[in-house]
Protein backbone atom coordinates (compact mmCIF):
# COMPACT_ATOMS: atom_id res chain seq x y z
CA UNK A 1 0.00 0.06 -0.02
CA UNK A 2 1.35 3.57 -0.77
CA UNK A 3 1.98 5.83 2.03
CA UNK A 4 -0.88 8.14 1.22
CA UNK A 5 -3.31 5.26 0.95
CA UNK A 6 -2.07 3.96 4.39
CA UNK A 7 -2.49 7.42 5.96
CA UNK A 8 -5.93 7.87 4.39
CA UNK A 9 -6.90 4.43 5.96
CA UNK A 10 -5.96 5.76 9.45
CA UNK A 11 -8.20 8.73 9.15
CA UNK A 12 -11.16 6.64 10.30
CA UNK A 13 -9.77 6.41 13.92
CA UNK A 14 -10.99 8.71 16.68
CA UNK A 15 -8.25 10.96 17.94
CA UNK A 16 -6.35 11.34 20.16
CA UNK A 17 -4.93 7.84 19.70
CA UNK A 18 -1.86 6.24 21.03
CA UNK A 19 0.89 4.62 18.72
CA UNK A 20 0.23 1.26 20.42
CA UNK A 21 -3.40 1.38 19.39
CA UNK A 22 -2.36 2.22 15.78
CA UNK A 23 0.22 -0.58 15.76
CA UNK A 24 -2.21 -3.15 17.37
CA UNK A 25 -4.51 -2.60 14.33
CA UNK A 26 -2.16 -1.61 11.45
CA UNK A 27 1.34 -2.36 12.54
CA UNK A 28 1.86 -5.19 10.09
CA UNK A 29 0.60 -3.19 7.08
CA UNK A 30 3.18 -3.08 4.41
CA UNK A 31 4.01 0.47 3.08
CA UNK A 32 5.48 0.44 -0.60
CA UNK A 33 8.45 2.73 -1.02
CA UNK A 34 10.65 3.71 -3.99
CA UNK A 35 13.35 1.39 -2.75
CA UNK A 36 11.44 -1.55 -1.17
CA UNK A 37 8.96 -1.54 1.56
CA UNK A 38 8.40 -1.05 5.37
CA UNK A 39 5.73 -1.86 7.91
CA UNK A 40 3.70 0.79 9.66
CA UNK A 41 5.46 -0.44 12.84
CA UNK A 42 8.91 0.40 11.35
CA UNK A 43 7.83 3.81 10.22
CA UNK A 44 6.11 5.02 13.39
CA UNK A 45 9.07 3.68 15.59
CA UNK A 46 11.45 5.79 13.50
CA UNK A 47 9.18 8.80 13.84
CA UNK A 48 8.79 8.72 17.59
CA UNK A 49 5.87 9.96 19.66
CA UNK A 50 3.51 8.02 21.86
CA UNK A 51 0.23 9.69 21.06
CA UNK A 52 -1.27 11.54 18.12
CA UNK A 53 -3.78 14.34 18.95
CA UNK A 54 -5.18 14.63 15.41
CA UNK A 55 -5.05 12.76 12.05
CA UNK A 56 -2.62 15.42 10.75
CA UNK A 57 -0.28 14.68 13.61
CA UNK A 58 -0.32 10.88 12.72
CA UNK A 59 0.05 11.54 8.97
CA UNK A 60 3.10 13.82 9.73
CA UNK A 61 4.59 11.03 11.81
CA UNK A 62 4.08 8.47 8.94
CA UNK A 63 5.79 10.94 6.52
CA UNK A 64 8.66 11.89 8.90
CA UNK A 65 9.22 8.27 9.81
CA UNK A 66 10.01 7.23 6.13
CA UNK A 67 13.65 6.32 5.37
CA UNK A 68 15.67 8.64 3.17
CA UNK A 69 15.41 6.25 0.19
CA UNK A 70 11.75 6.23 0.29
CA UNK A 71 11.37 9.03 -2.26
CA UNK A 72 13.95 7.88 -4.67
CA UNK A 73 17.14 9.81 -5.54
CA UNK A 74 17.81 12.23 -2.63
CA UNK A 75 17.70 15.81 -3.59
CA UNK A 76 16.70 15.15 -7.27
CA UNK A 77 14.53 17.50 -9.05
CA UNK A 78 14.19 17.85 -12.70
CA UNK A 79 12.39 21.21 -12.19
CA UNK A 80 14.40 23.27 -9.93
CA UNK A 81 17.45 25.19 -11.01
CA UNK A 82 20.69 24.37 -9.25
CA UNK A 83 21.25 25.94 -5.92
CA UNK A 84 23.86 28.71 -5.48
CA UNK A 85 27.32 27.03 -5.62
CA UNK A 86 25.94 23.86 -7.26
CA UNK A 87 26.96 22.79 -10.94
CA UNK A 88 23.83 21.99 -12.84
CA UNK A 89 23.23 20.34 -16.09
CA UNK A 90 24.03 22.30 -19.29
CA UNK A 91 20.90 23.81 -20.54
CA UNK A 92 19.60 22.29 -23.87
CA UNK A 93 17.39 24.23 -26.26
CA UNK A 94 14.97 22.18 -28.24
């Protein structure tokens, strides 16, 4: 399941909710990542926190708990200009 689909599924809970309650029901759910997969347990343990006051708090914890490789190439953007001091690709005109 993609991370946004996982987060949307958790929206149905009443808040506040503890991490233990989330993990008891959804801890073994597999989250598909760009470089593999993780479980909700793995993701929330990395994020920390014992209780989530709102759905947005829980969603933020899920996103913050993802490993660096979850989004593909780190720092990659095909839309942004290079930052000051960085060498970027040579512009090509079509």
